Amino acid sequence: MGWLWAIIVGFVLGLLAKAVIPGKQHSPLWLTTIFGMLGAIVGNALARAFGVDATSGIDWTRHVFQLGAAIVIVLVGDMAYTAVRSDKQRA
């Protein structure tokens, strides 16, 4: 059940990150989901480092860290994906 939640959270974070980033992103949905999952992992690590990983109630601060990490990862990952695709199309 843990993997299912990881995929769902990654999917939602990836889509939210794509919505926040201006312009069109070219990475496919499955890759966006993986980027979102990575954003959740990095965001959790950052929240743990700042000591806000477990609070009472909803962990809004942790979710902000997750979304911020997902935005950066989707942005960089999409640029890398676009660069790799354009290199393959030129060859």
PDB file of N, CA and C in Angstrom:
ATOM      1  N   MET A   1       0.817  -1.193   0.000  1.00  0.00           N
ATOM      2  CA  MET A   1       0.000   0.000   0.000  1.00  0.00           C
ATOM      3  C   MET A   1       0.859   1.255   0.000  1.00  0.00           C
ATOM      4  N   GLY A   2       2.088   1.161   0.545  1.00  0.00           N
ATOM      5  CA  GLY A   2       2.975   2.308   0.579  1.00  0.00           C
ATOM      6  C   GLY A   2       3.360   2.787  -0.812  1.00  0.00           C
ATOM      7  N   TRP A   3       3.596   1.851  -1.742  1.00  0.00           N
ATOM      8  CA  TRP A   3       3.961   2.241  -3.101  1.00  0.00           C
ATOM      9  C   TRP A   3       2.805   2.931  -3.806  1.00  0.00           C
ATOM     10  N   LEU A   4       1.590   2.480  -3.551  1.00  0.00           N
ATOM     11  CA  LEU A   4       0.424   3.104  -4.166  1.00  0.00           C
ATOM     12  C   LEU A   4       0.300   4.560  -3.726  1.00  0.00           C
ATOM     13  N   TRP A   5       0.486   4.802  -2.425  1.00  0.00           N
ATOM     14  CA  TRP A   5       0.432   6.175  -1.930  1.00  0.00           C
ATOM     15  C   TRP A   5       1.568   7.011  -2.493  1.00  0.00           C
ATOM     16  N   ALA A   6       2.745   6.418  -2.639  1.00  0.00           N
ATOM     17  CA  ALA A   6       3.884   7.144  -3.207  1.00  0.00           C
ATOM     18  C   ALA A   6       3.592   7.562  -4.644  1.00  0.00           C
ATOM     19  N   ILE A   7       2.973   6.683  -5.407  1.00  0.00           N
ATOM     20  CA  ILE A   7       2.629   7.001  -6.792  1.00  0.00           C
ATOM     21  C   ILE A   7       1.558   8.091  -6.840  1.00  0.00           C
ATOM     22  N   ILE A   8       0.546   7.983  -5.988  1.00  0.00           N
ATOM     23  CA  ILE A   8      -0.525   8.980  -5.967  1.00  0.00           C
ATOM     24  C   ILE A   8       0.023  10.347  -5.565  1.00  0.00           C
ATOM     25  N   VAL A   9       0.816  10.389  -4.502  1.00  0.00           N
ATOM     26  CA  VAL A   9       1.390  11.657  -4.043  1.00  0.00           C
ATOM     27  C   VAL A   9       2.326  12.223  -5.112  1.00  0.00           C
ATOM     28  N   GLY A  10       3.143  11.380  -5.722  1.00  0.00           N
ATOM     29  CA  GLY A  10       4.036  11.838  -6.783  1.00  0.00           C
ATOM     30  C   GLY A  10       3.278  12.392  -7.976  1.00  0.00           C
ATOM     31  N   PHE A  11       2.178  11.740  -8.331  1.00  0.00           N
ATOM     32  CA  PHE A  11       1.333  12.196  -9.432  1.00  0.00           C
ATOM     33  C   PHE A  11       0.771  13.586  -9.136  1.00  0.00           C
ATOM     34  N   VAL A  12       0.216  13.753  -7.935  1.00  0.00           N
ATOM     35  CA  VAL A  12      -0.379  15.038  -7.556  1.00  0.00           C
ATOM     36  C   VAL A  12       0.690  16.128  -7.470  1.00  0.00           C
ATOM     37  N   LEU A  13       1.810  15.832  -6.812  1.00  0.00           N
ATOM     38  CA  LEU A  13       2.888  16.824  -6.707  1.00  0.00           C
ATOM     39  C   LEU A  13       3.445  17.192  -8.082  1.00  0.00           C
ATOM     40  N   GLY A  14       3.608  16.222  -8.940  1.00  0.00           N
ATOM     41  CA  GLY A  14       4.105  16.502 -10.288  1.00  0.00           C
ATOM     42  C   GLY A  14       3.165  17.396 -11.077  1.00  0.00           C
ATOM     43  N   LEU A  15       1.864  17.114 -10.981  1.00  0.00           N
ATOM     44  CA  LEU A  15       0.891  17.953 -11.686  1.00  0.00           C
ATOM     45  C   LEU A  15       0.829  19.357 -11.103  1.00  0.00           C
ATOM     46  N   LEU A  16       0.889  19.473  -9.768  1.00  0.00           N
ATOM     47  CA  LEU A  16       0.908  20.796  -9.153  1.00  0.00           C
ATOM     48  C   LEU A  16       2.157  21.576  -9.572  1.00  0.00           C
ATOM     49  N   ALA A  17       3.291  20.893  -9.604  1.00  0.00           N
ATOM     50  CA  ALA A  17       4.528  21.551 -10.021  1.00  0.00           C
ATOM     51  C   ALA A  17       4.424  22.022 -11.466  1.00  0.00           C
ATOM     52  N   LYS A  18       3.860  21.194 -12.351  1.00  0.00           N
ATOM     53  CA  LYS A  18       3.679  21.589 -13.746  1.00  0.00           C
ATOM     54  C   LYS A  18       2.744  22.784 -13.864  1.00  0.00           C
ATOM     55  N   ALA A  19       1.745  22.849 -12.991  1.00  0.00           N
ATOM     56  CA  ALA A  19       0.798  23.961 -13.031  1.00  0.00           C
ATOM     57  C   ALA A  19       1.445  25.265 -12.579  1.00  0.00           C
ATOM     58  N   VAL A  20       2.400  25.186 -11.665  1.00  0.00           N
ATOM     59  CA  VAL A  20       3.058  26.379 -11.135  1.00  0.00           C
ATOM     60  C   VAL A  20       4.117  26.911 -12.098  1.00  0.00           C
ATOM     61  N   ILE A  21       4.802  26.022 -12.779  1.00  0.00           N
ATOM     62  CA  ILE A  21       5.886  26.415 -13.687  1.00  0.00           C
ATOM     63  C   ILE A  21       5.278  27.061 -14.935  1.00  0.00           C
ATOM     64  N   PRO A  22       5.739  28.274 -15.287  1.00  0.00           N
ATOM     65  CA  PRO A  22       5.186  28.914 -16.483  1.00  0.00           C
ATOM     66  C   PRO A  22       5.649  28.212 -17.759  1.00  0.00           C
ATOM     67  N   GLY A  23       4.835  28.296 -18.771  1.00  0.00           N
ATOM     68  CA  GLY A  23       5.172  27.689 -20.053  1.00  0.00           C
ATOM     69  C   GLY A  23       4.745  26.237 -20.126  1.00  0.00           C
ATOM     70  N   LYS A  24       5.056  25.630 -21.269  1.00  0.00           N
ATOM     71  CA  LYS A  24       4.672  24.234 -21.488  1.00  0.00           C
ATOM     72  C   LYS A  24       5.842  23.324 -21.151  1.00  0.00           C
ATOM     73  N   GLN A  25       5.532  22.277 -20.403  1.00  0.00           N
ATOM     74  CA  GLN A  25       6.533  21.259 -20.117  1.00  0.00           C
ATOM     75  C   GLN A  25       6.284  20.084 -21.067  1.00  0.00           C
ATOM     76  N   HIS A  26       7.362  19.454 -21.486  1.00  0.00           N
ATOM     77  CA  HIS A  26       7.249  18.417 -22.504  1.00  0.00           C
ATOM     78  C   HIS A  26       7.440  17.004 -21.970  1.00  0.00           C
ATOM     79  N   SER A  27       7.705  16.870 -20.692  1.00  0.00           N
ATOM     80  CA  SER A  27       7.919  15.529 -20.140  1.00  0.00           C
ATOM     81  C   SER A  27       6.581  14.787 -20.060  1.00  0.00           C
ATOM     82  N   PRO A  28       6.606  13.483 -20.332  1.00  0.00           N
ATOM     83  CA  PRO A  28       5.367  12.696 -20.279  1.00  0.00           C
ATOM     84  C   PRO A  28       4.867  12.544 -18.841  1.00  0.00           C
ATOM     85  N   LEU A  29       3.628  12.126 -18.726  1.00  0.00           N
ATOM     86  CA  LEU A  29       2.975  12.030 -17.428  1.00  0.00           C
ATOM     87  C   LEU A  29       3.674  11.042 -16.496  1.00  0.00           C
ATOM     88  N   TRP A  30       4.162   9.931 -17.025  1.00  0.00           N
ATOM     89  CA  TRP A  30       4.834   8.953 -16.165  1.00  0.00           C
ATOM     90  C   TRP A  30       6.120   9.535 -15.583  1.00  0.00           C
ATOM     91  N   LEU A  31       6.823  10.364 -16.372  1.00  0.00           N
ATOM     92  CA  LEU A  31       8.056  10.978 -15.889  1.00  0.00           C
ATOM     93  C   LEU A  31       7.746  12.094 -14.891  1.00  0.00           C
ATOM     94  N   THR A  32       6.667  12.814 -15.125  1.00  0.00           N
ATOM     95  CA  THR A  32       6.225  13.837 -14.178  1.00  0.00           C
ATOM     96  C   THR A  32       5.887  13.205 -12.834  1.00  0.00           C
ATOM     97  N   THR A  33       5.270  12.036 -12.862  1.00  0.00           N
ATOM     98  CA  THR A  33       4.949  11.315 -11.629  1.00  0.00           C
ATOM     99  C   THR A  33       6.220  10.924 -10.885  1.00  0.00           C
ATOM    100  N   ILE A  34       7.215  10.443 -11.606  1.00  0.00           N
ATOM    101  CA  ILE A  34       8.493  10.089 -10.974  1.00  0.00           C
ATOM    102  C   ILE A  34       9.162  11.326 -10.395  1.00  0.00           C
ATOM    103  N   PHE A  35       9.136  12.433 -11.136  1.00  0.00           N
ATOM    104  CA  PHE A  35       9.684  13.689 -10.611  1.00  0.00           C
ATOM    105  C   PHE A  35       8.957  14.102  -9.337  1.00  0.00           C
ATOM    106  N   GLY A  36       7.636  13.952  -9.317  1.00  0.00           N
ATOM    107  CA  GLY A  36       6.859  14.282  -8.121  1.00  0.00           C
ATOM    108  C   GLY A  36       7.215  13.384  -6.947  1.00  0.00           C
ATOM    109  N   MET A  37       7.434  12.103  -7.219  1.00  0.00           N
ATOM    110  CA  MET A  37       7.841  11.176  -6.156  1.00  0.00           C
ATOM    111  C   MET A  37       9.203  11.582  -5.593  1.00  0.00           C
ATOM    112  N   LEU A  38      10.120  11.960  -6.478  1.00  0.00           N
ATOM    113  CA  LEU A  38      11.434  12.428  -6.022  1.00  0.00           C
ATOM    114  C   LEU A  38      11.299  13.717  -5.215  1.00  0.00           C
ATOM    115  N   GLY A  39      10.395  14.585  -5.637  1.00  0.00           N
ATOM    116  CA  GLY A  39      10.137  15.816  -4.889  1.00  0.00           C
ATOM    117  C   GLY A  39       9.621  15.539  -3.491  1.00  0.00           C
ATOM    118  N   ALA A  40       8.774  14.526  -3.358  1.00  0.00           N
ATOM    119  CA  ALA A  40       8.262  14.153  -2.039  1.00  0.00           C
ATOM    120  C   ALA A  40       9.389  13.636  -1.150  1.00  0.00           C
ATOM    121  N   ILE A  41      10.262  12.835  -1.710  1.00  0.00           N
ATOM    122  CA  ILE A  41      11.386  12.288  -0.938  1.00  0.00           C
ATOM    123  C   ILE A  41      12.326  13.402  -0.493  1.00  0.00           C
ATOM    124  N   VAL A  42      12.691  14.277  -1.434  1.00  0.00           N
ATOM    125  CA  VAL A  42      13.598  15.381  -1.098  1.00  0.00           C
ATOM    126  C   VAL A  42      12.932  16.333  -0.110  1.00  0.00           C
ATOM    127  N   GLY A  43      11.647  16.622  -0.314  1.00  0.00           N
ATOM    128  CA  GLY A  43      10.919  17.500   0.602  1.00  0.00           C
ATOM    129  C   GLY A  43      10.837  16.936   2.007  1.00  0.00           C
ATOM    130  N   ASN A  44      10.620  15.631   2.116  1.00  0.00           N
ATOM    131  CA  ASN A  44      10.610  14.992   3.436  1.00  0.00           C
ATOM    132  C   ASN A  44      11.976  15.089   4.103  1.00  0.00           C
ATOM    133  N   ALA A  45      13.039  14.903   3.329  1.00  0.00           N
ATOM    134  CA  ALA A  45      14.386  15.008   3.890  1.00  0.00           C
ATOM    135  C   ALA A  45      14.668  16.433   4.364  1.00  0.00           C
ATOM    136  N   LEU A  46      14.245  17.423   3.584  1.00  0.00           N
ATOM    137  CA  LEU A  46      14.434  18.809   3.989  1.00  0.00           C
ATOM    138  C   LEU A  46      13.623  19.135   5.243  1.00  0.00           C
ATOM    139  N   ALA A  47      12.394  18.648   5.297  1.00  0.00           N
ATOM    140  CA  ALA A  47      11.555  18.882   6.483  1.00  0.00           C
ATOM    141  C   ALA A  47      12.182  18.248   7.723  1.00  0.00           C
ATOM    142  N   ARG A  48      12.727  17.050   7.547  1.00  0.00           N
ATOM    143  CA  ARG A  48      13.395  16.381   8.660  1.00  0.00           C
ATOM    144  C   ARG A  48      14.628  17.168   9.100  1.00  0.00           C
ATOM    145  N   ALA A  49      15.365  17.716   8.133  1.00  0.00           N
ATOM    146  CA  ALA A  49      16.565  18.493   8.447  1.00  0.00           C
ATOM    147  C   ALA A  49      16.219  19.775   9.200  1.00  0.00           C
ATOM    148  N   PHE A  50      15.066  20.363   8.891  1.00  0.00           N
ATOM    149  CA  PHE A  50      14.637  21.583   9.569  1.00  0.00           C
ATOM    150  C   PHE A  50      13.810  21.302  10.821  1.00  0.00           C
ATOM    151  N   GLY A  51      13.563  20.029  11.112  1.00  0.00           N
ATOM    152  CA  GLY A  51      12.861  19.649  12.324  1.00  0.00           C
ATOM    153  C   GLY A  51      11.355  19.826  12.279  1.00  0.00           C
ATOM    154  N   VAL A  52      10.776  19.825  11.092  1.00  0.00           N
ATOM    155  CA  VAL A  52       9.324  19.990  10.974  1.00  0.00           C
ATOM    156  C   VAL A  52       8.674  18.802  10.267  1.00  0.00           C
ATOM    157  N   ASP A  53       9.279  17.639  10.392  1.00  0.00           N
ATOM    158  CA  ASP A  53       8.749  16.477   9.686  1.00  0.00           C
ATOM    159  C   ASP A  53       7.532  15.870  10.372  1.00  0.00           C
ATOM    160  N   ALA A  54       7.384  16.048  11.663  1.00  0.00           N
ATOM    161  CA  ALA A  54       6.242  15.470  12.378  1.00  0.00           C
ATOM    162  C   ALA A  54       5.666  16.522  13.321  1.00  0.00           C
ATOM    163  N   THR A  55       4.562  17.098  12.906  1.00  0.00           N
ATOM    164  CA  THR A  55       3.876  18.076  13.740  1.00  0.00           C
ATOM    165  C   THR A  55       2.475  17.573  14.023  1.00  0.00           C
ATOM    166  N   SER A  56       1.811  18.186  14.963  1.00  0.00           N
ATOM    167  CA  SER A  56       0.434  17.768  15.245  1.00  0.00           C
ATOM    168  C   SER A  56      -0.481  18.319  14.150  1.00  0.00           C
ATOM    169  N   GLY A  57      -1.426  17.529  13.738  1.00  0.00           N
ATOM    170  CA  GLY A  57      -2.336  17.951  12.676  1.00  0.00           C
ATOM    171  C   GLY A  57      -1.725  17.729  11.307  1.00  0.00           C
ATOM    172  N   ILE A  58      -2.144  18.552  10.374  1.00  0.00           N
ATOM    173  CA  ILE A  58      -1.650  18.447   8.999  1.00  0.00           C
ATOM    174  C   ILE A  58      -0.275  19.092   8.915  1.00  0.00           C
ATOM    175  N   ASP A  59       0.652  18.413   8.297  1.00  0.00           N
ATOM    176  CA  ASP A  59       2.033  18.899   8.190  1.00  0.00           C
ATOM    177  C   ASP A  59       2.170  19.834   6.998  1.00  0.00           C
ATOM    178  N   TRP A  60       1.623  21.032   7.103  1.00  0.00           N
ATOM    179  CA  TRP A  60       1.642  21.979   5.991  1.00  0.00           C
ATOM    180  C   TRP A  60       3.060  22.359   5.605  1.00  0.00           C
ATOM    181  N   THR A  61       3.917  22.542   6.583  1.00  0.00           N
ATOM    182  CA  THR A  61       5.296  22.929   6.278  1.00  0.00           C
ATOM    183  C   THR A  61       5.995  21.839   5.481  1.00  0.00           C
ATOM    184  N   ARG A  62       5.779  20.598   5.861  1.00  0.00           N
ATOM    185  CA  ARG A  62       6.377  19.480   5.122  1.00  0.00           C
ATOM    186  C   ARG A  62       5.848  19.444   3.693  1.00  0.00           C
ATOM    187  N   HIS A  63       4.551  19.712   3.527  1.00  0.00           N
ATOM    188  CA  HIS A  63       3.970  19.715   2.184  1.00  0.00           C
ATOM    189  C   HIS A  63       4.524  20.847   1.329  1.00  0.00           C
ATOM    190  N   VAL A  64       4.806  21.987   1.946  1.00  0.00           N
ATOM    191  CA  VAL A  64       5.411  23.099   1.208  1.00  0.00           C
ATOM    192  C   VAL A  64       6.818  22.712   0.753  1.00  0.00           C
ATOM    193  N   PHE A  65       7.586  22.056   1.628  1.00  0.00           N
ATOM    194  CA  PHE A  65       8.912  21.570   1.237  1.00  0.00           C
ATOM    195  C   PHE A  65       8.803  20.574   0.087  1.00  0.00           C
ATOM    196  N   GLN A  66       7.836  19.670   0.163  1.00  0.00           N
ATOM    197  CA  GLN A  66       7.659  18.683  -0.901  1.00  0.00           C
ATOM    198  C   GLN A  66       7.315  19.347  -2.225  1.00  0.00           C
ATOM    199  N   LEU A  67       6.393  20.304  -2.186  1.00  0.00           N
ATOM    200  CA  LEU A  67       6.001  20.982  -3.419  1.00  0.00           C
ATOM    201  C   LEU A  67       7.159  21.800  -3.986  1.00  0.00           C
ATOM    202  N   GLY A  68       7.883  22.490  -3.123  1.00  0.00           N
ATOM    203  CA  GLY A  68       9.032  23.262  -3.594  1.00  0.00           C
ATOM    204  C   GLY A  68      10.077  22.382  -4.250  1.00  0.00           C
ATOM    205  N   ALA A  69      10.368  21.246  -3.635  1.00  0.00           N
ATOM    206  CA  ALA A  69      11.335  20.314  -4.214  1.00  0.00           C
ATOM    207  C   ALA A  69      10.805  19.745  -5.536  1.00  0.00           C
ATOM    208  N   ALA A  70       9.512  19.439  -5.584  1.00  0.00           N
ATOM    209  CA  ALA A  70       8.927  18.912  -6.816  1.00  0.00           C
ATOM    210  C   ALA A  70       8.990  19.939  -7.937  1.00  0.00           C
ATOM    211  N   ILE A  71       8.766  21.209  -7.617  1.00  0.00           N
ATOM    212  CA  ILE A  71       8.844  22.250  -8.645  1.00  0.00           C
ATOM    213  C   ILE A  71      10.244  22.315  -9.236  1.00  0.00           C
ATOM    214  N   VAL A  72      11.242  22.305  -8.380  1.00  0.00           N
ATOM    215  CA  VAL A  72      12.634  22.372  -8.861  1.00  0.00           C
ATOM    216  C   VAL A  72      12.976  21.128  -9.685  1.00  0.00           C
ATOM    217  N   ILE A  73      12.578  19.959  -9.197  1.00  0.00           N
ATOM    218  CA  ILE A  73      12.917  18.714  -9.889  1.00  0.00           C
ATOM    219  C   ILE A  73      12.180  18.615 -11.226  1.00  0.00           C
ATOM    220  N   VAL A  74      10.905  19.005 -11.266  1.00  0.00           N
ATOM    221  CA  VAL A  74      10.159  18.976 -12.532  1.00  0.00           C
ATOM    222  C   VAL A  74      10.766  19.965 -13.518  1.00  0.00           C
ATOM    223  N   LEU A  75      11.140  21.143 -13.049  1.00  0.00           N
ATOM    224  CA  LEU A  75      11.729  22.155 -13.927  1.00  0.00           C
ATOM    225  C   LEU A  75      13.049  21.659 -14.520  1.00  0.00           C
ATOM    226  N   VAL A  76      13.943  21.186 -13.672  1.00  0.00           N
ATOM    227  CA  VAL A  76      15.248  20.706 -14.148  1.00  0.00           C
ATOM    228  C   VAL A  76      15.085  19.422 -14.970  1.00  0.00           C
ATOM    229  N   GLY A  77      14.233  18.528 -14.504  1.00  0.00           N
ATOM    230  CA  GLY A  77      14.014  17.276 -15.220  1.00  0.00           C
ATOM    231  C   GLY A  77      13.406  17.491 -16.591  1.00  0.00           C
ATOM    232  N   ASP A  78      12.486  18.444 -16.702  1.00  0.00           N
ATOM    233  CA  ASP A  78      11.878  18.721 -17.993  1.00  0.00           C
ATOM    234  C   ASP A  78      12.891  19.341 -18.952  1.00  0.00           C
ATOM    235  N   MET A  79      13.751  20.207 -18.437  1.00  0.00           N
ATOM    236  CA  MET A  79      14.797  20.783 -19.297  1.00  0.00           C
ATOM    237  C   MET A  79      15.739  19.684 -19.792  1.00  0.00           C
ATOM    238  N   ALA A  80      16.099  18.753 -18.906  1.00  0.00           N
ATOM    239  CA  ALA A  80      16.968  17.645 -19.307  1.00  0.00           C
ATOM    240  C   ALA A  80      16.265  16.743 -20.320  1.00  0.00           C
ATOM    241  N   TYR A  81      14.989  16.456 -20.087  1.00  0.00           N
ATOM    242  CA  TYR A  81      14.219  15.614 -21.009  1.00  0.00           C
ATOM    243  C   TYR A  81      14.130  16.266 -22.388  1.00  0.00           C
ATOM    244  N   THR A  82      13.871  17.567 -22.414  1.00  0.00           N
ATOM    245  CA  THR A  82      13.774  18.284 -23.683  1.00  0.00           C
ATOM    246  C   THR A  82      15.122  18.292 -24.396  1.00  0.00           C
ATOM    247  N   ALA A  83      16.205  18.473 -23.661  1.00  0.00           N
ATOM    248  CA  ALA A  83      17.535  18.475 -24.277  1.00  0.00           C
ATOM    249  C   ALA A  83      17.868  17.110 -24.865  1.00  0.00           C
ATOM    250  N   VAL A  84      17.555  16.056 -24.148  1.00  0.00           N
ATOM    251  CA  VAL A  84      17.837  14.698 -24.647  1.00  0.00           C
ATOM    252  C   VAL A  84      16.991  14.401 -25.868  1.00  0.00           C
ATOM    253  N   ARG A  85      15.743  14.789 -25.859  1.00  0.00           N
ATOM    254  CA  ARG A  85      14.868  14.543 -27.016  1.00  0.00           C
ATOM    255  C   ARG A  85      15.326  15.313 -28.227  1.00  0.00           C
ATOM    256  N   SER A  86      15.742  16.570 -28.037  1.00  0.00           N
ATOM    257  CA  SER A  86      16.169  17.356 -29.195  1.00  0.00           C
ATOM    258  C   SER A  86      17.482  16.824 -29.761  1.00  0.00           C
ATOM    259  N   ASP A  87      18.362  16.299 -28.911  1.00  0.00           N
ATOM    260  CA  ASP A  87      19.603  15.693 -29.401  1.00  0.00           C
ATOM    261  C   ASP A  87      19.319  14.461 -30.220  1.00  0.00           C
ATOM    262  N   LYS A  88      18.356  13.650 -29.808  1.00  0.00           N
ATOM    263  CA  LYS A  88      18.010  12.427 -30.549  1.00  0.00           C
ATOM    264  C   LYS A  88      17.341  12.764 -31.873  1.00  0.00           C
ATOM    265  N   GLN A  89      16.576  13.844 -31.918  1.00  0.00           N
ATOM    266  CA  GLN A  89      15.903  14.211 -33.152  1.00  0.00           C
ATOM    267  C   GLN A  89      16.874  14.766 -34.183  1.00  0.00           C
ATOM    268  N   ARG A  90      17.972  15.403 -33.728  1.00  0.00           N
ATOM    269  CA  ARG A  90      18.968  15.943 -34.653  1.00  0.00           C
ATOM    270  C   ARG A  90      19.834  14.844 -35.257  1.00  0.00           C
ATOM    271  N   ALA A  91      20.028  13.762 -34.509  1.00  0.00           N
ATOM    272  CA  ALA A  91      20.930  12.700 -34.973  1.00  0.00           C
ATOM    273  C   ALA A  91      20.327  11.834 -36.044  1.00  0.00           C
TER     274      ALA A  91
END
